[in-house]
Amino acid sequence: MYKKKGQVTIFIIIGIMLLLFIVMGYYLFTVGTLQKFTQTVTESSTMIDGKTAVKTYTEACLRDVTQQGIIVLGAYGGIIYPDEETNLLATERTVVTYLLRDPDERKERMENDLELYVMENINICLDDFSSFPFSVAARPEKIEVQANMRENSIEMYLYYPLTITLESETGTIEDFFATAQTTIQDMIIAADALIEQTESGTIDLTNNAYQITAYPFDEKTMIFAITDEKNLIDGTPLLLFFAVKAEPEYAPVLDHIPDITLRQGQTLTYYLKATDENNDHLVYYSDLEDFPIAEDGTLTIEATNVGTSYVTFTVENETGLQDSQQVKITVIAPYE
């Protein structure tokens, strides 16, 4: 009886010890896993902070370089990189750009030049991320920039793949965005008004928003400087500097066309001529189908019907300015 009771007691003790071993193993496993998890979370938080610092730094550079590009853009009349088609005015001190007149072409050109300016200068500002205590590896060959000009700002998107190595963890970041507040778009609208005034011969330099200065270059050319004292970039007011052909548009003038008399059956070729002080392309036309005239001014009259006609001949230049003359054309009976 006592022998069996002793055996049961031993089994109970062994069972309790096994249970303790299981509980202790589970505890050690749980603690180890928790420590590893806590360590991973700490590293991830550090990486997030590192990415945030790099993103903030890169976007600050993107904004600063964009603002520098706006300064250059304004100083050279909306064009940073002139090409062979760019209309330039060379002065003794500098080269001045004639402002592009087509709004869509001008906006596209300004955005393209700003994109190229950022691509060429962003790395100077970033300075290889040398100020960071951890590794930031860039891939400059993959850089992409997109500029979007708004009414009172310029949005700049930058794709620039970066690899961040912080302690034993590696992360990537590649998309950046910055907005530069500017009034250059509105200043160009003011410039368009000045160009129209210059062409009409009446220039108004008063403007409630900007300071406008005019510099006569010669009899046919004006240079304008539009300054926004409220739009400061690094403490300097934004300047839009450009040239305008001050020669107003003149209407073409037809040379005198005499009255014409023909006998029935005759054919006459007459060449209309006109002068245009702006050297514009000229187009000629008449108001009667019986007396058509070629665009180059060639008039061919075939005297088919006896009678008198009054024909108005017109010359028109590229801007729509015209000059007209009424001519009496008489067809008389042929010789008997």
Protein backbone atom coordinates (compact mmCIF):
# COMPACT_ATOMS: atom_id res chain seq x y z
CA MET A 1 0.00 0.00 0.00
CA TYR A 2 2.73 2.46 0.99
CA LYS A 3 4.79 1.40 -1.99
CA LYS A 4 2.07 2.36 -4.47
CA LYS A 5 1.50 5.68 -2.76
CA GLY A 6 5.19 6.51 -3.08
CA GLN A 7 5.15 5.74 -6.77
CA VAL A 8 2.20 8.10 -7.33
CA THR A 9 4.00 10.89 -5.49
CA ILE A 10 7.09 10.53 -7.68
CA PHE A 11 4.96 10.76 -10.83
CA ILE A 12 3.29 13.93 -9.55
CA ILE A 13 6.66 15.56 -8.84
CA ILE A 14 7.98 14.64 -12.28
CA GLY A 15 4.85 16.09 -13.89
CA ILE A 16 5.19 19.35 -11.98
CA MET A 17 8.83 19.65 -13.01
CA LEU A 18 7.99 19.07 -16.68
CA LEU A 19 5.29 21.73 -16.46
CA LEU A 20 7.79 24.17 -14.94
CA PHE A 21 10.27 23.46 -17.74
CA ILE A 22 7.57 24.09 -20.36
CA VAL A 23 6.48 27.34 -18.70
CA MET A 24 10.09 28.50 -18.36
CA GLY A 25 10.84 27.71 -22.03
CA TYR A 26 7.76 29.57 -23.22
CA TYR A 27 8.72 32.55 -21.07
CA LEU A 28 12.26 32.68 -22.42
CA PHE A 29 11.01 32.36 -26.01
CA THR A 30 8.44 35.12 -25.51
CA VAL A 31 10.93 37.51 -23.90
CA GLY A 32 13.50 36.92 -26.65
CA THR A 33 10.95 37.48 -29.38
CA LEU A 34 9.69 40.65 -27.69
CA GLN A 35 13.23 41.98 -27.39
CA LYS A 36 13.89 41.33 -31.06
CA PHE A 37 10.56 42.96 -32.02
CA THR A 38 11.30 45.99 -29.85
CA GLN A 39 14.73 46.31 -31.44
CA THR A 40 13.23 46.14 -34.96
CA VAL A 41 10.65 48.80 -34.15
CA THR A 42 13.39 51.10 -32.80
CA GLU A 43 15.46 50.70 -35.96
CA SER A 44 12.46 51.36 -38.21
CA SER A 45 11.64 54.52 -36.26
CA THR A 46 15.22 55.69 -36.71
CA MET A 47 15.02 55.03 -40.44
CA ILE A 48 11.76 56.96 -40.69
CA ASP A 49 13.41 59.92 -38.96
CA GLY A 50 16.36 59.65 -41.35
CA LYS A 51 14.12 59.59 -44.40
CA THR A 52 12.17 62.58 -43.10
CA ALA A 53 15.38 64.56 -42.59
CA VAL A 54 16.64 63.73 -46.11
CA LYS A 55 13.27 64.55 -47.68
CA THR A 56 13.04 67.90 -45.87
CA TYR A 57 16.60 68.79 -46.87
CA THR A 58 16.13 67.78 -50.53
CA GLU A 59 12.83 69.64 -50.90
CA ALA A 60 14.38 72.77 -49.34
CA CYS A 61 17.14 72.57 -51.96
CA LEU A 62 14.55 72.02 -54.68
CA ARG A 63 12.68 75.14 -53.60
CA ASP A 64 15.86 77.24 -53.31
CA VAL A 65 17.17 76.20 -56.75
CA THR A 66 13.75 76.85 -58.30
CA GLN A 67 13.76 80.36 -56.83
CA GLN A 68 17.24 80.95 -58.22
CA GLY A 69 15.97 79.79 -61.62
CA ILE A 70 13.08 82.26 -61.41
CA ILE A 71 15.58 85.09 -60.83
CA VAL A 72 17.57 84.09 -63.92
CA LEU A 73 14.36 83.58 -65.90
CA GLY A 74 13.19 87.11 -65.14
CA ALA A 75 16.58 88.71 -65.75
CA TYR A 76 16.70 87.25 -69.28
CA GLY A 77 13.15 87.97 -70.38
CA GLY A 78 11.64 84.53 -69.74
CA ILE A 79 14.42 82.47 -71.37
CA ILE A 80 17.34 80.91 -69.48
CA TYR A 81 18.86 78.96 -72.36
CA PRO A 82 18.71 80.89 -75.68
CA ASP A 83 18.81 78.87 -78.88
CA GLU A 84 19.40 79.83 -82.50
CA GLU A 85 15.76 80.91 -82.86
CA THR A 86 15.81 83.19 -79.81
CA ASN A 87 15.48 86.87 -80.69
CA LEU A 88 18.22 88.70 -78.78
CA LEU A 89 19.30 92.32 -78.47
CA ALA A 90 23.02 92.84 -77.82
CA THR A 91 23.86 95.98 -75.85
CA GLU A 92 27.22 97.27 -74.62
CA ARG A 93 26.71 95.74 -71.17
CA THR A 94 24.49 92.71 -71.64
CA VAL A 95 22.25 90.70 -73.92
CA VAL A 96 18.50 91.30 -73.64
CA THR A 97 15.82 88.89 -74.80
CA TYR A 98 12.73 89.90 -76.75
CA LEU A 99 9.73 88.50 -74.85
CA LEU A 100 7.96 85.62 -76.61
CA ARG A 101 4.49 86.76 -77.66
CA ASP A 102 2.57 83.49 -77.85
CA PRO A 103 1.35 82.70 -74.27
CA ASP A 104 1.30 78.91 -74.69
CA GLU A 105 4.73 78.79 -76.34
CA ARG A 106 6.12 81.12 -73.69
CA LYS A 107 4.76 79.08 -70.76
CA GLU A 108 6.12 75.82 -72.21
CA ARG A 109 9.53 77.41 -72.84
CA MET A 110 9.75 78.83 -69.32
CA GLU A 111 8.81 75.49 -67.74
CA ASN A 112 11.34 73.61 -69.89
CA ASP A 113 14.13 76.06 -69.04
CA LEU A 114 13.35 75.88 -65.32
CA GLU A 115 13.42 72.08 -65.43
CA LEU A 116 16.82 72.11 -67.10
CA TYR A 117 18.11 74.71 -64.62
CA VAL A 118 17.06 72.56 -61.65
CA MET A 119 18.62 69.45 -63.18
CA GLU A 120 21.93 71.27 -63.68
CA ASN A 121 22.07 72.92 -60.25
CA ILE A 122 20.27 70.71 -57.70
CA ASN A 123 23.43 68.68 -56.92
CA ILE A 124 25.34 71.86 -56.03
CA CYS A 125 22.80 72.58 -53.31
CA LEU A 126 22.59 68.97 -52.11
CA ASP A 127 26.40 68.81 -51.75
CA ASP A 128 26.41 65.00 -51.84
CA PHE A 129 24.38 65.04 -48.58
CA SER A 130 27.69 65.54 -46.78
CA SER A 131 26.02 67.18 -43.78
CA PHE A 132 24.28 63.92 -42.77
CA PRO A 133 25.90 61.55 -40.22
CA PHE A 134 24.74 58.52 -42.23
CA SER A 135 25.15 57.37 -45.82
CA VAL A 136 22.89 58.83 -48.54
CA ALA A 137 23.73 57.39 -51.97
CA ALA A 138 22.27 59.17 -55.01
CA ARG A 139 21.72 58.07 -58.58
CA PRO A 140 21.94 61.40 -60.48
CA GLU A 141 21.67 59.69 -63.86
CA LYS A 142 18.05 58.85 -63.00
CA ILE A 143 16.98 62.42 -62.14
CA GLU A 144 13.73 63.73 -63.64
CA VAL A 145 12.21 67.19 -63.13
CA GLN A 146 8.77 68.56 -64.02
CA ALA A 147 7.76 72.21 -63.62
CA ASN A 148 4.18 73.44 -63.53
CA MET A 149 3.59 77.19 -63.66
CA ARG A 150 0.54 78.35 -61.73
CA GLU A 151 -0.93 81.83 -61.44
CA ASN A 152 1.08 82.84 -58.36
CA SER A 153 3.50 79.96 -57.93
CA ILE A 154 5.63 77.36 -59.65
CA GLU A 155 5.29 73.72 -58.60
CA MET A 156 8.38 71.58 -59.04
CA TYR A 157 8.39 67.78 -58.98
CA LEU A 158 11.69 65.92 -58.60
CA TYR A 159 12.32 62.21 -59.10
CA TYR A 160 15.71 61.45 -57.56
CA PRO A 161 16.33 57.88 -56.27
CA LEU A 162 18.26 57.89 -52.96
CA THR A 163 19.45 54.97 -50.86
CA ILE A 164 19.83 55.61 -47.13
CA THR A 165 22.00 53.34 -44.99
CA LEU A 166 21.46 53.89 -41.29
CA GLU A 167 23.22 51.50 -38.90
CA SER A 168 22.30 48.04 -40.21
CA GLU A 169 19.13 49.11 -42.05
CA THR A 170 18.71 50.31 -45.65
CA GLY A 171 15.85 52.40 -47.03
CA THR A 172 14.98 54.25 -50.24
CA ILE A 173 13.31 57.54 -51.09
CA GLU A 174 12.79 58.98 -54.56
CA ASP A 175 9.90 61.50 -54.93
CA PHE A 176 10.17 65.15 -53.89
CA PHE A 177 7.97 68.22 -54.31
CA ALA A 178 8.36 71.96 -53.69
CA THR A 179 6.39 75.12 -54.40
CA ALA A 180 7.99 78.51 -55.06
CA GLN A 181 5.71 81.51 -54.64
CA THR A 182 6.26 84.05 -57.41
CA THR A 183 4.51 86.81 -59.36
CA ILE A 184 6.47 86.32 -62.58
CA GLN A 185 3.35 85.16 -64.46
CA ASP A 186 1.48 88.34 -63.55
CA MET A 187 4.54 90.45 -64.37
CA ILE A 188 4.57 88.96 -67.87
CA ILE A 189 0.91 89.96 -68.30
CA ALA A 190 2.00 93.52 -67.45
CA ALA A 191 4.81 93.13 -70.01
CA ASP A 192 2.31 92.11 -72.70
CA ALA A 193 0.37 95.31 -72.03
CA LEU A 194 3.57 97.35 -72.40
CA ILE A 195 4.34 95.67 -75.71
CA GLU A 196 0.89 96.51 -77.06
CA GLN A 197 1.27 100.10 -75.89
CA THR A 198 4.70 100.34 -77.51
CA GLU A 199 3.34 99.12 -80.83
CA SER A 200 0.49 101.64 -80.67
CA GLY A 201 2.90 104.48 -79.87
CA THR A 202 1.51 105.29 -76.39
CA ILE A 203 3.32 103.94 -73.32
CA ASP A 204 1.90 104.12 -69.79
CA LEU A 205 4.51 103.39 -67.10
CA THR A 206 2.09 103.70 -64.17
CA ASN A 207 1.24 100.42 -62.48
CA ASN A 208 -0.14 99.97 -58.98
CA ALA A 209 1.57 96.61 -58.47
CA TYR A 210 5.01 97.02 -60.04
CA GLN A 211 7.72 99.55 -60.68
CA ILE A 212 8.28 99.98 -64.43
CA THR A 213 11.31 101.62 -66.02
CA ALA A 214 11.83 102.19 -69.75
CA TYR A 215 15.21 102.55 -71.47
CA PRO A 216 15.14 103.74 -75.11
CA PHE A 217 17.80 101.75 -76.97
CA ASP A 218 17.39 103.31 -80.40
CA GLU A 219 14.61 104.78 -82.51
CA LYS A 220 12.95 101.40 -82.94
CA THR A 221 13.75 99.52 -79.72
CA MET A 222 12.78 99.89 -76.07
CA ILE A 223 14.12 97.98 -73.06
CA PHE A 224 11.80 97.57 -70.07
CA ALA A 225 12.47 96.58 -66.47
CA ILE A 226 9.48 95.50 -64.36
CA THR A 227 10.29 95.16 -60.65
CA ASP A 228 8.16 93.60 -57.93
CA GLU A 229 9.37 95.13 -54.68
CA LYS A 230 7.11 92.81 -52.67
CA ASN A 231 8.33 89.57 -54.24
CA LEU A 232 11.73 89.17 -52.58
CA ILE A 233 14.05 86.23 -53.25
CA ASP A 234 17.04 86.19 -50.90
CA GLY A 235 16.24 89.84 -50.15
CA THR A 236 16.29 90.87 -53.81
CA PRO A 237 13.14 92.09 -55.64
CA LEU A 238 12.08 90.00 -58.63
CA LEU A 239 13.01 91.66 -61.94
CA LEU A 240 11.63 91.05 -65.43
CA PHE A 241 14.00 92.51 -68.03
CA PHE A 242 13.13 92.39 -71.75
CA ALA A 243 13.31 94.24 -75.07
CA VAL A 244 10.53 95.43 -77.36
CA LYS A 245 10.60 96.66 -80.91
CA ALA A 246 9.27 100.16 -80.44
CA GLU A 247 8.39 100.54 -84.11
CA PRO A 248 4.58 100.84 -84.30
CA GLU A 249 2.61 98.91 -86.88
CA TYR A 250 1.84 100.98 -89.95
CA ALA A 251 -0.80 100.28 -92.55
CA PRO A 252 0.50 99.46 -96.03
CA VAL A 253 0.06 102.10 -98.73
CA LEU A 254 -1.04 101.21 -102.25
CA ASP A 255 0.72 102.92 -105.13
CA HIS A 256 -1.66 104.95 -107.27
CA ILE A 257 -3.77 102.81 -109.61
CA PRO A 258 -5.04 104.74 -112.62
CA ASP A 259 -8.46 104.23 -114.15
CA ILE A 260 -8.30 101.66 -116.92
CA THR A 261 -9.99 101.68 -120.35
CA LEU A 262 -9.95 98.67 -122.67
CA ARG A 263 -11.60 97.68 -125.88
CA GLN A 264 -13.71 94.58 -125.85
CA GLY A 265 -11.61 91.49 -126.52
CA GLN A 266 -8.40 92.93 -125.12
CA THR A 267 -6.45 91.48 -122.17
CA LEU A 268 -4.43 93.57 -119.75
CA THR A 269 -1.99 92.45 -117.02
CA TYR A 270 -1.32 95.02 -114.34
CA TYR A 271 0.88 94.70 -111.24
CA LEU A 272 -0.35 96.39 -108.09
CA LYS A 273 2.37 97.64 -105.75
CA ALA A 274 2.37 98.85 -102.17
CA THR A 275 4.86 99.97 -99.55
CA ASP A 276 4.94 98.78 -95.95
CA GLU A 277 7.23 100.39 -93.36
CA ASN A 278 7.21 97.24 -91.24
CA ASN A 279 8.24 95.07 -94.19
CA ASP A 280 5.32 92.75 -93.50
CA HIS A 281 4.08 90.16 -95.97
CA LEU A 282 1.34 91.76 -98.08
CA VAL A 283 -1.75 90.21 -99.66
CA TYR A 284 -3.88 91.81 -102.39
CA TYR A 285 -7.53 91.20 -103.30
CA SER A 286 -10.51 92.84 -105.06
CA ASP A 287 -14.19 93.11 -104.22
CA LEU A 288 -15.50 91.90 -107.61
CA GLU A 289 -15.21 88.35 -108.92
CA ASP A 290 -15.05 89.65 -112.51
CA PHE A 291 -11.74 91.32 -111.70
CA PRO A 292 -9.80 88.79 -109.63
CA ILE A 293 -6.32 89.61 -108.40
CA ALA A 294 -3.61 87.24 -107.26
CA GLU A 295 -2.31 87.50 -103.70
CA ASP A 296 0.96 88.90 -105.04
CA GLY A 297 -0.85 91.81 -106.70
CA THR A 298 -1.07 90.54 -110.28
CA LEU A 299 -4.26 91.79 -111.95
CA THR A 300 -5.39 90.23 -115.21
CA ILE A 301 -8.34 91.91 -116.96
CA GLU A 302 -10.13 90.25 -119.87
CA ALA A 303 -12.46 92.76 -121.51
CA THR A 304 -15.41 90.56 -122.45
CA ASN A 305 -18.40 92.81 -121.85
CA VAL A 306 -18.83 96.45 -122.79
CA GLY A 307 -19.57 98.67 -119.81
CA THR A 308 -18.13 100.43 -116.76
CA SER A 309 -17.25 98.87 -113.42
CA TYR A 310 -15.98 100.33 -110.17
CA VAL A 311 -13.63 97.96 -108.45
CA THR A 312 -12.04 98.31 -105.00
CA PHE A 313 -8.56 96.85 -104.70
CA THR A 314 -7.15 96.24 -101.22
CA VAL A 315 -3.74 95.42 -99.78
CA GLU A 316 -3.46 93.94 -96.27
CA ASN A 317 -0.44 93.28 -94.02
CA GLU A 318 0.16 90.57 -91.41
CA THR A 319 -1.55 92.50 -88.62
CA GLY A 320 -4.71 93.14 -90.67
CA LEU A 321 -4.01 96.80 -91.47
CA GLN A 322 -5.23 97.76 -94.96
CA ASP A 323 -5.23 100.34 -97.72
CA SER A 324 -7.75 100.42 -100.55
CA GLN A 325 -8.39 102.28 -103.80
CA GLN A 326 -11.44 102.36 -106.03
CA VAL A 327 -10.65 102.10 -109.73
CA LYS A 328 -12.90 102.79 -112.72
CA ILE A 329 -12.56 100.10 -115.38
CA THR A 330 -14.25 100.81 -118.70
CA VAL A 331 -14.67 98.41 -121.59
CA ILE A 332 -15.61 100.05 -124.89
CA ALA A 333 -16.71 98.56 -128.19
CA PRO A 334 -14.01 97.15 -130.43
CA TYR A 335 -12.92 98.82 -133.64
CA GLU A 336 -15.28 98.20 -136.51
